[in-house]
Amino acid sequence: MAVPIRNTVFDKIRDAGSLTDVDLYKILTKEGFTMAEAKFNKILLDLEILGLIKVSWITKDERRIEVFVEKEEVDEVDEQNKEMMEKDYEASFPGFEK
């Protein structure tokens, strides 16, 4: 089964962390993945819509591509509630002491 080109493009971006679209296109061409510019742009757009990458313009002809990392916010109240529930559960067993 062949791996979709979109997965290959995402893997190259993830391995690099961040790079320009020109550099990415050169890497793909060097490895034998030749495609039209329209298809390349469509793949980048699909990955951005899926929330996997972030594309921003550097200059008129060059874009910066980076892996999108969503920071997970920790709710302190939920963490405290979770800890209390765990302590109450453990305390419900007879003879349990910590």
N, C-alpha and C. Protein backbone atom coordinates (compact mmCIF):
# COMPACT_ATOMS: atom_id res chain seq x y z
N MET A 1 0.85 -1.17 0.00
CA MET A 1 0.00 0.00 0.00
C MET A 1 0.90 1.24 0.00
N ALA A 2 0.63 2.15 -0.87
CA ALA A 2 1.43 3.37 -0.99
C ALA A 2 1.00 4.39 0.06
N VAL A 3 1.96 5.10 0.58
CA VAL A 3 1.70 6.15 1.56
C VAL A 3 1.28 7.41 0.81
N PRO A 4 0.16 8.04 1.19
CA PRO A 4 -0.25 9.27 0.51
C PRO A 4 0.84 10.35 0.61
N ILE A 5 0.96 11.13 -0.43
CA ILE A 5 1.98 12.17 -0.49
C ILE A 5 1.79 13.19 0.64
N ARG A 6 0.55 13.40 1.05
CA ARG A 6 0.26 14.34 2.15
C ARG A 6 0.97 13.88 3.43
N ASN A 7 0.96 12.58 3.70
CA ASN A 7 1.64 12.06 4.89
C ASN A 7 3.15 12.25 4.79
N THR A 8 3.69 12.05 3.60
CA THR A 8 5.12 12.23 3.38
C THR A 8 5.50 13.69 3.61
N VAL A 9 4.70 14.60 3.08
CA VAL A 9 4.97 16.04 3.26
C VAL A 9 4.92 16.39 4.74
N PHE A 10 3.92 15.90 5.46
CA PHE A 10 3.82 16.20 6.89
C PHE A 10 5.01 15.64 7.66
N ASP A 11 5.45 14.44 7.30
CA ASP A 11 6.61 13.84 7.97
C ASP A 11 7.85 14.69 7.78
N LYS A 12 8.05 15.22 6.58
CA LYS A 12 9.21 16.08 6.30
C LYS A 12 9.14 17.37 7.12
N ILE A 13 7.96 17.94 7.25
CA ILE A 13 7.79 19.16 8.03
C ILE A 13 8.03 18.87 9.51
N ARG A 14 7.47 17.77 9.99
CA ARG A 14 7.63 17.40 11.40
C ARG A 14 9.09 17.13 11.74
N ASP A 15 9.81 16.46 10.84
CA ASP A 15 11.22 16.17 11.08
C ASP A 15 12.05 17.45 11.14
N ALA A 16 11.71 18.42 10.30
CA ALA A 16 12.47 19.67 10.25
C ALA A 16 12.04 20.64 11.36
N GLY A 17 10.83 20.52 11.84
CA GLY A 17 10.32 21.46 12.84
C GLY A 17 9.69 22.66 12.16
N SER A 18 10.50 23.42 11.43
CA SER A 18 9.98 24.51 10.62
C SER A 18 10.95 24.74 9.47
N LEU A 19 10.41 25.11 8.33
CA LEU A 19 11.20 25.38 7.14
C LEU A 19 10.37 26.21 6.18
N THR A 20 10.99 26.65 5.11
CA THR A 20 10.26 27.43 4.12
C THR A 20 9.66 26.50 3.07
N ASP A 21 8.68 27.02 2.34
CA ASP A 21 8.06 26.21 1.30
C ASP A 21 9.06 25.88 0.19
N VAL A 22 10.00 26.79 -0.07
CA VAL A 22 11.02 26.55 -1.09
C VAL A 22 11.92 25.38 -0.67
N ASP A 23 12.34 25.40 0.58
CA ASP A 23 13.19 24.31 1.08
C ASP A 23 12.44 22.97 1.08
N LEU A 24 11.19 22.99 1.48
CA LEU A 24 10.39 21.76 1.50
C LEU A 24 10.23 21.21 0.09
N TYR A 25 9.96 22.08 -0.86
CA TYR A 25 9.80 21.63 -2.25
C TYR A 25 11.10 21.03 -2.77
N LYS A 26 12.24 21.64 -2.40
CA LYS A 26 13.55 21.09 -2.81
C LYS A 26 13.79 19.72 -2.20
N ILE A 27 13.45 19.56 -0.93
CA ILE A 27 13.63 18.27 -0.25
C ILE A 27 12.79 17.19 -0.93
N LEU A 28 11.53 17.52 -1.21
CA LEU A 28 10.64 16.54 -1.84
C LEU A 28 11.12 16.18 -3.25
N THR A 29 11.57 17.18 -4.01
CA THR A 29 12.06 16.92 -5.36
C THR A 29 13.31 16.06 -5.32
N LYS A 30 14.19 16.34 -4.38
CA LYS A 30 15.43 15.58 -4.24
C LYS A 30 15.15 14.10 -3.93
N GLU A 31 14.08 13.85 -3.19
CA GLU A 31 13.72 12.47 -2.82
C GLU A 31 12.81 11.80 -3.85
N GLY A 32 12.55 12.48 -4.95
CA GLY A 32 11.80 11.86 -6.04
C GLY A 32 10.31 12.14 -6.06
N PHE A 33 9.84 13.02 -5.23
CA PHE A 33 8.43 13.38 -5.21
C PHE A 33 8.23 14.67 -5.99
N THR A 34 8.04 14.55 -7.29
CA THR A 34 7.81 15.74 -8.11
C THR A 34 6.31 15.94 -8.27
N MET A 35 5.89 17.20 -8.19
CA MET A 35 4.47 17.52 -8.32
C MET A 35 4.34 18.96 -8.80
N ALA A 36 3.19 19.27 -9.32
CA ALA A 36 2.91 20.62 -9.77
C ALA A 36 2.79 21.54 -8.55
N GLU A 37 3.05 22.82 -8.76
CA GLU A 37 2.98 23.78 -7.65
C GLU A 37 1.57 23.86 -7.08
N ALA A 38 0.57 23.72 -7.94
CA ALA A 38 -0.82 23.76 -7.47
C ALA A 38 -1.11 22.59 -6.52
N LYS A 39 -0.62 21.41 -6.84
CA LYS A 39 -0.82 20.25 -5.97
C LYS A 39 -0.07 20.43 -4.65
N PHE A 40 1.14 20.97 -4.72
CA PHE A 40 1.93 21.25 -3.52
C PHE A 40 1.18 22.21 -2.60
N ASN A 41 0.64 23.28 -3.18
CA ASN A 41 -0.12 24.26 -2.40
C ASN A 41 -1.39 23.64 -1.82
N LYS A 42 -2.04 22.76 -2.56
CA LYS A 42 -3.25 22.08 -2.09
C LYS A 42 -2.93 21.19 -0.89
N ILE A 43 -1.80 20.50 -0.94
CA ILE A 43 -1.40 19.64 0.18
C ILE A 43 -1.13 20.49 1.42
N LEU A 44 -0.43 21.62 1.25
CA LEU A 44 -0.17 22.50 2.38
C LEU A 44 -1.47 23.05 2.96
N LEU A 45 -2.40 23.41 2.09
CA LEU A 45 -3.69 23.91 2.55
C LEU A 45 -4.46 22.84 3.31
N ASP A 46 -4.48 21.61 2.79
CA ASP A 46 -5.16 20.52 3.48
C ASP A 46 -4.57 20.29 4.87
N LEU A 47 -3.25 20.28 4.97
CA LEU A 47 -2.60 20.07 6.26
C LEU A 47 -2.90 21.20 7.23
N GLU A 48 -3.00 22.42 6.70
CA GLU A 48 -3.31 23.55 7.55
C GLU A 48 -4.77 23.49 8.02
N ILE A 49 -5.67 23.10 7.15
CA ILE A 49 -7.08 22.97 7.52
C ILE A 49 -7.26 21.89 8.58
N LEU A 50 -6.49 20.81 8.47
CA LEU A 50 -6.55 19.73 9.46
C LEU A 50 -5.94 20.14 10.80
N GLY A 51 -5.28 21.28 10.83
CA GLY A 51 -4.69 21.76 12.08
C GLY A 51 -3.35 21.14 12.40
N LEU A 52 -2.69 20.56 11.40
CA LEU A 52 -1.41 19.91 11.63
C LEU A 52 -0.22 20.84 11.45
N ILE A 53 -0.36 21.84 10.57
CA ILE A 53 0.73 22.77 10.33
C ILE A 53 0.21 24.20 10.36
N LYS A 54 1.16 25.13 10.43
CA LYS A 54 0.84 26.55 10.38
C LYS A 54 1.69 27.16 9.27
N VAL A 55 1.07 27.88 8.36
CA VAL A 55 1.77 28.50 7.24
C VAL A 55 1.62 30.00 7.37
N SER A 56 2.75 30.71 7.29
CA SER A 56 2.73 32.16 7.34
C SER A 56 3.69 32.71 6.30
N TRP A 57 3.38 33.88 5.79
CA TRP A 57 4.20 34.49 4.75
C TRP A 57 5.41 35.17 5.37
N ILE A 58 6.59 34.92 4.77
CA ILE A 58 7.82 35.60 5.17
C ILE A 58 8.06 36.78 4.23
N THR A 59 8.08 36.47 2.95
CA THR A 59 8.22 37.49 1.92
C THR A 59 7.12 37.29 0.90
N LYS A 60 7.16 38.05 -0.15
CA LYS A 60 6.13 37.95 -1.19
C LYS A 60 6.10 36.56 -1.82
N ASP A 61 7.25 35.92 -1.95
CA ASP A 61 7.34 34.63 -2.65
C ASP A 61 7.71 33.46 -1.75
N GLU A 62 7.79 33.67 -0.45
CA GLU A 62 8.26 32.61 0.43
C GLU A 62 7.39 32.51 1.68
N ARG A 63 7.08 31.26 2.06
CA ARG A 63 6.24 31.03 3.23
C ARG A 63 7.00 30.18 4.25
N ARG A 64 6.72 30.43 5.51
CA ARG A 64 7.29 29.63 6.59
C ARG A 64 6.26 28.58 6.99
N ILE A 65 6.72 27.33 7.07
CA ILE A 65 5.84 26.22 7.42
C ILE A 65 6.37 25.60 8.70
N GLU A 66 5.48 25.42 9.68
CA GLU A 66 5.89 24.81 10.93
C GLU A 66 4.79 23.91 11.46
N VAL A 67 5.18 22.96 12.27
CA VAL A 67 4.22 22.05 12.86
C VAL A 67 3.44 22.82 13.91
N PHE A 68 2.14 22.65 13.90
CA PHE A 68 1.26 23.34 14.85
C PHE A 68 1.21 22.53 16.13
N VAL A 69 1.62 23.17 17.23
CA VAL A 69 1.60 22.52 18.53
C VAL A 69 0.62 23.27 19.40
N GLU A 70 -0.43 22.59 19.80
CA GLU A 70 -1.44 23.21 20.65
C GLU A 70 -1.08 22.97 22.10
N LYS A 71 -0.94 24.05 22.84
CA LYS A 71 -0.61 23.93 24.25
C LYS A 71 -1.87 23.56 25.02
N GLU A 72 -1.74 22.54 25.83
CA GLU A 72 -2.88 22.08 26.62
C GLU A 72 -2.91 22.84 27.93
N GLU A 73 -4.02 23.51 28.16
CA GLU A 73 -4.16 24.28 29.39
C GLU A 73 -4.62 23.36 30.51
N VAL A 74 -4.01 23.55 31.67
CA VAL A 74 -4.36 22.75 32.83
C VAL A 74 -5.26 23.59 33.73
N ASP A 75 -6.43 23.05 34.00
CA ASP A 75 -7.38 23.74 34.87
C ASP A 75 -7.08 23.33 36.31
N GLU A 76 -6.67 24.27 37.13
CA GLU A 76 -6.26 23.98 38.51
C GLU A 76 -7.41 23.41 39.33
N VAL A 77 -8.60 23.92 39.12
CA VAL A 77 -9.76 23.45 39.88
C VAL A 77 -10.05 21.99 39.55
N ASP A 78 -10.00 21.64 38.26
CA ASP A 78 -10.23 20.25 37.86
C ASP A 78 -9.16 19.33 38.44
N GLU A 79 -7.92 19.79 38.46
CA GLU A 79 -6.83 18.99 39.03
C GLU A 79 -7.05 18.75 40.52
N GLN A 80 -7.47 19.79 41.24
CA GLN A 80 -7.73 19.65 42.68
C GLN A 80 -8.90 18.70 42.92
N ASN A 81 -9.95 18.82 42.11
CA ASN A 81 -11.11 17.93 42.25
C ASN A 81 -10.71 16.48 41.99
N LYS A 82 -9.88 16.28 40.99
CA LYS A 82 -9.43 14.92 40.66
C LYS A 82 -8.61 14.33 41.81
N GLU A 83 -7.72 15.14 42.39
CA GLU A 83 -6.92 14.66 43.52
C GLU A 83 -7.81 14.31 44.72
N MET A 84 -8.79 15.15 45.00
CA MET A 84 -9.69 14.89 46.13
C MET A 84 -10.51 13.63 45.91
N MET A 85 -10.96 13.43 44.68
CA MET A 85 -11.74 12.22 44.38
C MET A 85 -10.88 10.97 44.55
N GLU A 86 -9.61 11.05 44.13
CA GLU A 86 -8.71 9.91 44.30
C GLU A 86 -8.46 9.62 45.78
N LYS A 87 -8.26 10.68 46.58
CA LYS A 87 -8.03 10.50 48.02
C LYS A 87 -9.27 9.92 48.69
N ASP A 88 -10.45 10.42 48.32
CA ASP A 88 -11.69 9.90 48.90
C ASP A 88 -11.90 8.45 48.53
N TYR A 89 -11.57 8.09 47.30
CA TYR A 89 -11.71 6.70 46.85
C TYR A 89 -10.78 5.79 47.64
N GLU A 90 -9.52 6.22 47.78
CA GLU A 90 -8.55 5.41 48.52
C GLU A 90 -8.94 5.29 49.99
N ALA A 91 -9.47 6.38 50.56
CA ALA A 91 -9.86 6.38 51.96
C ALA A 91 -11.10 5.53 52.22
N SER A 92 -11.85 5.22 51.18
CA SER A 92 -13.08 4.43 51.36
C SER A 92 -12.80 2.97 51.66
N PHE A 93 -11.56 2.51 51.44
CA PHE A 93 -11.22 1.13 51.74
C PHE A 93 -10.83 1.02 53.22
N PRO A 94 -11.42 0.05 53.95
CA PRO A 94 -11.10 -0.09 55.37
C PRO A 94 -9.65 -0.53 55.55
N GLY A 95 -9.00 0.07 56.53
CA GLY A 95 -7.63 -0.31 56.87
C GLY A 95 -6.58 0.29 55.96
N PHE A 96 -6.97 1.18 55.07
CA PHE A 96 -5.99 1.80 54.17
C PHE A 96 -5.42 3.04 54.83
N GLU A 97 -4.13 3.08 54.95
CA GLU A 97 -3.46 4.28 55.46
C GLU A 97 -2.29 4.60 54.56
N LYS A 98 -2.09 5.85 54.36
CA LYS A 98 -1.02 6.27 53.47
C LYS A 98 0.13 6.84 54.25
